């Protein structure tokens, strides 16, 4: 059985169980986490796809999903990307104060803007360790692809079932997020040598990466919960990077992209970058505030993917017996158009 069929089979099986289980995603996920053989085969298949099949099909380095993430991070933190965003936001706040009739202690707009940006820059400077590395959490890492950039990133790579020893086993959906230590000068670097991780520190990371992660989950509520966790783990003005598969043309699923934007921004993010690669949507969100609406009933359903709705009979993969059955119901066209794993990824088409 080829690697792409194994991955698609696991996704289809999870959605089938969700459909048949009346949306009980909690029990379905608990059952899935106990399927060691299935998880091992999935991890091996994803590793093969990422380091062999997709690397061969990449047309140019600039279209690689990992390179896209690295470039966005470096531009944001080291090439005035964040300062430009903060300056624009400060000017907007300045004008809002004037329009609302509020008094400003300093009347010169540029002085106000410069002061606000300087304060945020100083807070960001203090968040870096002595080595000046960016603290990056790679969720669903599989094989730790950011390891080649360890000179600039302090990486915590986690996965439900890692394909390499450098990745820590972690069920991100159920990870415990602990408040940061208040004492200064304490090195709070996560114990990256652990084989398993059950808790993470709040407001510790500069970047959280969800690369091909969210479409794994069969329920929008699980995708929503992952984004809530990312918000809790990021420092203020930190980056959430989301890469999700879609082999369709840019506008076909534009409603889904806008829906995700609305849901994620309700948590306390602002989208600052979007790009459509040949087979991927790439989105960057900045943590703009600590306040969140956190209303799952209103916003979690917005984290849908087309496969959540379209059901017809296709083959599902029985990974335990390496055989095929006709029991799974899910839309074949949606899988083909939105999760073409044989083709993923990567040529840049547009940016918005």
Protein backbone atom coordinates (compact mmCIF):
# COMPACT_ATOMS: atom_id res chain seq x y z
CA UNK A 1 0.00 0.00 0.00
CA UNK A 2 1.46 3.39 -0.97
CA UNK A 3 2.07 6.10 1.62
CA UNK A 4 -0.58 8.51 0.31
CA UNK A 5 -3.27 5.81 0.54
CA UNK A 6 -2.36 5.10 4.15
CA UNK A 7 -2.62 8.77 5.13
CA UNK A 8 -5.89 9.32 3.28
CA UNK A 9 -7.26 6.11 4.74
CA UNK A 10 -6.62 7.25 8.32
CA UNK A 11 -8.28 10.61 7.65
CA UNK A 12 -11.28 8.92 6.04
CA UNK A 13 -11.60 6.43 8.88
CA UNK A 14 -11.67 9.18 11.50
CA UNK A 15 -14.38 11.07 9.63
CA UNK A 16 -16.40 7.92 9.18
CA UNK A 17 -16.32 7.25 12.92
CA UNK A 18 -17.29 10.83 13.65
CA UNK A 19 -20.22 10.59 11.25
CA UNK A 20 -21.38 7.27 12.69
CA UNK A 21 -20.75 8.34 16.28
CA UNK A 22 -23.01 11.41 16.18
CA UNK A 23 -20.10 13.83 16.47
CA UNK A 24 -18.59 12.35 19.62
CA UNK A 25 -15.09 13.49 18.70
CA UNK A 26 -13.70 13.04 22.24
CA UNK A 27 -14.22 9.28 22.40
CA UNK A 28 -13.22 8.87 18.76
CA UNK A 29 -9.93 10.65 19.41
CA UNK A 30 -9.26 8.63 22.58
CA UNK A 31 -9.79 5.43 20.61
CA UNK A 32 -7.52 6.67 17.81
CA UNK A 33 -4.70 7.51 20.24
CA UNK A 34 -4.70 3.91 21.45
CA UNK A 35 -4.23 2.44 17.94
CA UNK A 36 -0.47 2.08 18.09
CA UNK A 37 -0.13 0.08 14.87
CA UNK A 38 -2.23 2.57 12.90
CA UNK A 39 -0.32 5.55 14.32
CA UNK A 40 3.02 3.92 13.50
CA UNK A 41 2.03 3.25 9.89
CA UNK A 42 0.67 6.79 9.54
CA UNK A 43 3.88 8.32 10.92
CA UNK A 44 6.06 6.24 8.59
CA UNK A 45 3.87 7.15 5.61
CA UNK A 46 3.94 10.87 6.35
CA UNK A 47 7.70 10.75 6.80
CA UNK A 48 8.12 9.04 3.45
CA UNK A 49 5.84 11.51 1.70
CA UNK A 50 7.60 14.53 3.20
CA UNK A 51 11.24 13.59 2.74
CA UNK A 52 10.98 11.59 -0.48
CA UNK A 53 7.89 12.13 -2.63
CA UNK A 54 7.24 15.83 -1.96
CA UNK A 55 10.90 16.82 -2.06
CA UNK A 56 11.23 15.30 -5.53
CA UNK A 57 8.10 17.09 -6.76
CA UNK A 58 9.03 20.51 -5.38
CA UNK A 59 9.55 22.87 -8.32
CA UNK A 60 11.49 25.52 -6.43
CA UNK A 61 12.83 26.04 -2.94
CA UNK A 62 10.72 29.17 -2.45
CA UNK A 63 7.62 27.02 -2.80
CA UNK A 64 8.54 24.65 0.03
CA UNK A 65 6.20 24.84 3.01
CA UNK A 66 9.06 24.85 5.53
CA UNK A 67 10.97 27.53 3.63
CA UNK A 68 7.78 29.61 3.47
CA UNK A 69 7.46 29.40 7.26
CA UNK A 70 11.12 30.26 7.83
CA UNK A 71 10.96 33.29 5.53
CA UNK A 72 7.79 34.61 7.17
CA UNK A 73 9.33 34.24 10.64
CA UNK A 74 12.58 35.96 9.72
CA UNK A 75 10.78 38.81 7.98
CA UNK A 76 8.48 39.25 10.96
CA UNK A 77 11.12 39.27 13.69
CA UNK A 78 14.36 40.38 12.03
CA UNK A 79 13.39 42.43 8.96
CA UNK A 80 11.06 45.03 10.53
CA UNK A 81 7.93 43.04 9.72
CA UNK A 82 6.54 43.30 13.25
CA UNK A 83 7.53 46.96 13.58
CA UNK A 84 5.66 47.84 10.39
CA UNK A 85 2.55 46.09 11.69
CA UNK A 86 2.81 47.78 15.09
CA UNK A 87 3.33 51.19 13.49
CA UNK A 88 0.23 50.77 11.35
CA UNK A 89 -1.77 49.62 14.36
CA UNK A 90 -0.52 52.51 16.51
CA UNK A 91 -1.57 55.04 13.86
CA UNK A 92 -5.01 53.46 13.71
CA UNK A 93 -5.37 53.63 17.48
CA UNK A 94 -4.19 57.25 17.48
CA UNK A 95 -6.88 58.26 14.98
CA UNK A 96 -9.52 56.27 16.83
CA UNK A 97 -8.71 58.20 20.00
CA UNK A 98 -9.04 61.50 18.17
CA UNK A 99 -12.30 60.50 16.50
CA UNK A 100 -13.74 59.43 19.86
CA UNK A 101 -12.81 62.77 21.41
CA UNK A 102 -10.27 61.31 23.83
CA UNK A 103 -7.44 63.55 24.95
CA UNK A 104 -3.91 62.61 23.97
CA UNK A 105 -1.07 63.49 26.31
CA UNK A 106 1.20 63.85 23.29
CA UNK A 107 -0.28 65.58 20.27
CA UNK A 108 2.37 64.68 17.72
CA UNK A 109 1.21 61.52 15.96
CA UNK A 110 4.68 60.26 15.03
CA UNK A 111 5.88 60.62 18.62
CA UNK A 112 2.90 58.64 19.86
CA UNK A 113 3.45 55.92 17.26
CA UNK A 114 7.19 55.77 17.94
CA UNK A 115 6.60 55.47 21.68
CA UNK A 116 4.07 52.65 21.35
CA UNK A 117 6.28 50.70 18.94
CA UNK A 118 9.34 51.18 21.16
CA UNK A 119 7.48 49.73 24.16
CA UNK A 120 6.41 46.65 22.20
CA UNK A 121 9.92 46.24 20.77
CA UNK A 122 11.41 46.26 24.26
CA UNK A 123 8.92 43.65 25.46
CA UNK A 124 9.79 41.48 22.48
CA UNK A 125 13.53 41.92 23.11
CA UNK A 126 13.13 40.65 26.67
CA UNK A 127 11.35 37.52 25.40
CA UNK A 128 14.48 36.32 23.61
CA UNK A 129 17.08 34.20 25.40
CA UNK A 130 20.75 35.11 25.45
CA UNK A 131 21.36 33.18 22.24
CA UNK A 132 18.73 35.34 20.50
CA UNK A 133 16.98 32.26 19.08
CA UNK A 134 13.31 32.23 18.14
CA UNK A 135 11.33 29.80 20.30
CA UNK A 136 9.35 27.64 17.88
CA UNK A 137 6.78 24.95 18.67
CA UNK A 138 6.21 22.60 15.72
CA UNK A 139 2.97 20.67 16.31
CA UNK A 140 2.45 17.53 14.25
CA UNK A 141 6.13 17.72 13.41
CA UNK A 142 6.57 14.09 12.32
CA UNK A 143 10.34 14.27 11.66
CA UNK A 144 11.37 17.75 12.91
CA UNK A 145 11.91 19.47 9.52
CA UNK A 146 12.95 22.75 11.19
CA UNK A 147 16.00 21.04 12.70
CA UNK A 148 18.12 22.22 9.77
CA UNK A 149 17.54 25.78 11.01
CA UNK A 150 18.55 25.12 14.62
CA UNK A 151 21.01 28.02 14.44
CA UNK A 152 18.08 30.46 14.48
CA UNK A 153 15.30 28.42 16.14
CA UNK A 154 14.99 26.87 19.58
CA UNK A 155 12.71 24.05 18.48
CA UNK A 156 10.18 22.02 20.42
CA UNK A 157 8.93 19.42 17.96
CA UNK A 158 5.91 17.35 19.06
CA UNK A 159 3.72 14.75 17.42
CA UNK A 160 1.08 12.22 18.42
CA UNK A 161 3.37 9.47 17.10
CA UNK A 162 6.84 10.78 16.11
CA UNK A 163 8.69 9.37 13.15
CA UNK A 164 12.09 10.40 14.56
CA UNK A 165 13.64 10.46 18.03
CA UNK A 166 14.16 14.23 17.92
CA UNK A 167 10.36 14.67 18.08
CA UNK A 168 8.58 14.40 21.43
CA UNK A 169 5.40 12.35 21.75
CA UNK A 170 2.52 14.66 22.70
CA UNK A 171 -1.25 14.68 22.30
CA UNK A 172 -1.59 18.39 21.63
CA UNK A 173 -5.37 18.32 21.93
CA UNK A 174 -5.10 17.26 25.56
CA UNK A 175 -1.80 18.84 26.59
CA UNK A 176 -1.77 20.75 29.89
CA UNK A 177 -0.78 24.40 29.54
CA UNK A 178 0.79 25.77 32.70
CA UNK A 179 1.26 29.42 33.64
CA UNK A 180 4.81 30.69 33.22
CA UNK A 181 7.09 31.10 36.21
CA UNK A 182 7.09 34.71 37.37
CA UNK A 183 10.67 34.71 38.59
CA UNK A 184 13.14 36.49 36.33
CA UNK A 185 16.33 34.96 35.04
CA UNK A 186 15.00 31.40 35.13
CA UNK A 187 15.72 29.29 32.07
CA UNK A 188 12.31 27.86 31.20
CA UNK A 189 13.39 25.98 28.10
CA UNK A 190 11.24 22.83 27.68
CA UNK A 191 12.96 19.50 28.36
CA UNK A 192 13.44 18.62 24.70
CA UNK A 193 15.24 15.35 25.51
CA UNK A 194 12.05 13.84 26.91
CA UNK A 195 10.36 11.10 24.90
CA UNK A 196 6.92 12.23 26.04
CA UNK A 197 5.48 15.62 26.92
CA UNK A 198 2.23 16.16 28.81
CA UNK A 199 2.46 19.88 29.54
CA UNK A 200 3.72 23.08 27.95
CA UNK A 201 4.40 26.53 29.32
CA UNK A 202 1.98 29.37 28.59
CA UNK A 203 3.19 32.48 26.75
CA UNK A 204 6.59 30.93 26.07
CA UNK A 205 6.83 30.61 22.29
CA UNK A 206 7.46 33.18 19.58
CA UNK A 207 6.04 30.87 16.90
CA UNK A 208 3.61 27.95 16.81
CA UNK A 209 3.46 25.97 13.54
CA UNK A 210 0.51 23.83 12.39
CA UNK A 211 1.83 22.32 9.17
CA UNK A 212 -0.71 19.90 7.64
CA UNK A 213 -2.07 19.40 11.15
CA UNK A 214 -5.63 20.73 11.33
CA UNK A 215 -7.06 18.68 8.45
CA UNK A 216 -6.00 15.52 10.33
CA UNK A 217 -8.75 16.11 12.90
CA UNK A 218 -12.27 15.00 11.92
CA UNK A 219 -14.09 17.74 13.87
CA UNK A 220 -14.01 21.56 13.56
CA UNK A 221 -14.10 21.71 17.37
CA UNK A 222 -10.75 19.92 17.53
CA UNK A 223 -9.21 22.35 15.05
CA UNK A 224 -10.63 25.23 17.08
CA UNK A 225 -9.18 23.80 20.31
CA UNK A 226 -5.72 23.59 18.73
CA UNK A 227 -5.89 27.29 17.86
CA UNK A 228 -7.00 28.12 21.42
CA UNK A 229 -3.95 26.24 22.71
CA UNK A 230 -1.69 28.11 20.29
CA UNK A 231 -3.01 31.43 21.59
CA UNK A 232 -2.28 30.38 25.17
CA UNK A 233 1.26 29.24 24.31
CA UNK A 234 2.32 32.31 22.31
CA UNK A 235 3.82 35.48 23.71
CA UNK A 236 2.04 38.70 22.82
CA UNK A 237 2.69 39.50 19.13
CA UNK A 238 3.75 35.88 18.55
CA UNK A 239 3.05 34.09 15.28
CA UNK A 240 0.71 31.21 14.50
CA UNK A 241 1.55 29.65 11.12
CA UNK A 242 -1.03 27.37 9.53
CA UNK A 243 -0.40 25.25 6.43
CA UNK A 244 -3.39 23.26 5.20
CA UNK A 245 -3.80 21.21 2.00
CA UNK A 246 -5.90 22.23 -0.99
CA UNK A 247 -5.05 21.26 -4.56
CA UNK A 248 -7.88 23.34 -6.01
CA UNK A 249 -7.43 26.75 -7.62
CA UNK A 250 -7.18 29.69 -5.25
CA UNK A 251 -10.82 30.83 -5.26
CA UNK A 252 -12.57 27.46 -5.07
CA UNK A 253 -12.41 27.26 -1.28
CA UNK A 254 -12.05 30.98 -0.54
CA UNK A 255 -15.13 30.82 1.70
CA UNK A 256 -13.40 28.25 3.88
CA UNK A 257 -10.28 30.43 4.15
CA UNK A 258 -12.39 33.46 5.13
CA UNK A 259 -14.30 31.32 7.62
CA UNK A 260 -11.08 30.17 9.26
CA UNK A 261 -9.88 33.76 9.39
CA UNK A 262 -13.02 34.86 11.24
CA UNK A 263 -12.80 32.00 13.73
CA UNK A 264 -9.10 32.38 14.47
CA UNK A 265 -9.25 36.17 14.75
CA UNK A 266 -12.05 35.83 17.31
CA UNK A 267 -9.56 34.06 19.58
CA UNK A 268 -7.28 37.11 19.68
CA UNK A 269 -5.27 36.89 16.47
CA UNK A 270 -4.98 39.10 13.39
CA UNK A 271 -4.05 37.55 10.05
CA UNK A 272 -0.95 39.25 8.69
CA UNK A 273 -0.05 37.03 5.73
CA UNK A 274 -1.73 34.66 3.30
CA UNK A 275 -0.36 32.76 0.30
CA UNK A 276 -1.80 30.06 -1.95
CA UNK A 277 0.73 27.53 -3.11
CA UNK A 278 -0.18 24.94 -5.74
CA UNK A 279 -1.48 22.49 -3.17
CA UNK A 280 -1.55 24.48 0.06
CA UNK A 281 -3.08 27.43 1.87
CA UNK A 282 -0.44 29.21 3.98
CA UNK A 283 -1.60 31.62 6.69
CA UNK A 284 0.21 33.66 9.32
CA UNK A 285 -1.64 35.09 12.33
CA UNK A 286 -0.25 37.50 14.93
CA UNK A 287 -1.40 37.22 18.54
CA UNK A 288 -2.83 40.71 18.97
CA UNK A 289 -4.28 40.50 22.49
CA UNK A 290 -4.74 38.19 25.44
CA UNK A 291 -8.51 38.59 25.46
CA UNK A 292 -10.50 36.01 23.53
CA UNK A 293 -14.19 35.49 22.87
CA UNK A 294 -13.55 31.76 23.27
CA UNK A 295 -17.13 30.93 22.24
CA UNK A 296 -16.79 27.47 20.75
CA UNK A 297 -20.47 27.15 19.82
CA UNK A 298 -20.31 30.27 17.65
CA UNK A 299 -16.83 30.01 16.18
CA UNK A 300 -15.66 26.39 16.23
CA UNK A 301 -18.02 25.36 13.37
CA UNK A 302 -16.28 27.95 11.19
CA UNK A 303 -13.15 25.76 11.23
CA UNK A 304 -14.67 23.39 8.67
CA UNK A 305 -13.09 21.70 5.67
CA UNK A 306 -15.08 20.51 2.62
CA UNK A 307 -14.72 16.86 3.62
CA UNK A 308 -16.77 17.55 6.76
CA UNK A 309 -19.97 17.86 4.71
CA UNK A 310 -19.74 15.73 1.58
CA UNK A 311 -20.43 12.05 1.98
CA UNK A 312 -20.51 9.31 -0.65
CA UNK A 313 -19.17 5.81 -0.64
CA UNK A 314 -15.47 5.32 -1.34
CA UNK A 315 -12.83 2.83 -0.36
CA UNK A 316 -11.46 3.06 3.16
CA UNK A 317 -8.21 1.55 4.27
CA UNK A 318 -8.19 -1.20 6.86
CA UNK A 319 -4.72 -0.52 8.20
CA UNK A 320 -4.81 -3.35 10.70
CA UNK A 321 -5.16 -5.92 7.92
CA UNK A 322 -3.70 -3.84 5.05
CA UNK A 323 -6.88 -4.47 3.07
CA UNK A 324 -9.55 -2.29 1.55
CA UNK A 325 -13.21 -2.11 2.45
CA UNK A 326 -16.15 -0.09 1.18
CA UNK A 327 -17.37 1.06 4.58
CA UNK A 328 -16.20 4.67 4.75
CA UNK A 329 -18.50 7.41 3.48
CA UNK A 330 -16.86 10.62 2.43
CA UNK A 331 -16.71 12.67 -0.73
CA UNK A 332 -14.06 11.35 -3.10
CA UNK A 333 -13.85 14.58 -5.09
CA UNK A 334 -13.16 16.54 -1.92
CA UNK A 335 -10.29 14.25 -1.02
CA UNK A 336 -8.89 14.45 -4.52
CA UNK A 337 -9.20 18.22 -4.79
CA UNK A 338 -8.31 19.21 -1.24
CA UNK A 339 -5.85 16.56 -0.09
CA UNK A 340 -3.89 15.39 -3.10
CA UNK A 341 -1.09 13.86 -1.07
CA UNK A 342 0.66 12.40 -4.10
CA UNK A 343 1.12 15.91 -5.48
CA UNK A 344 1.83 17.95 -2.34
CA UNK A 345 3.39 20.50 -2.40
CA UNK A 346 4.56 23.33 -3.70
CA UNK A 347 4.79 26.08 -6.41
CA UNK A 348 3.90 29.62 -5.40
CA UNK A 349 0.85 30.98 -7.18
CA UNK A 350 -0.19 34.12 -5.34
CA UNK A 351 -0.02 36.15 -2.20
CA UNK A 352 -2.68 38.29 -0.54
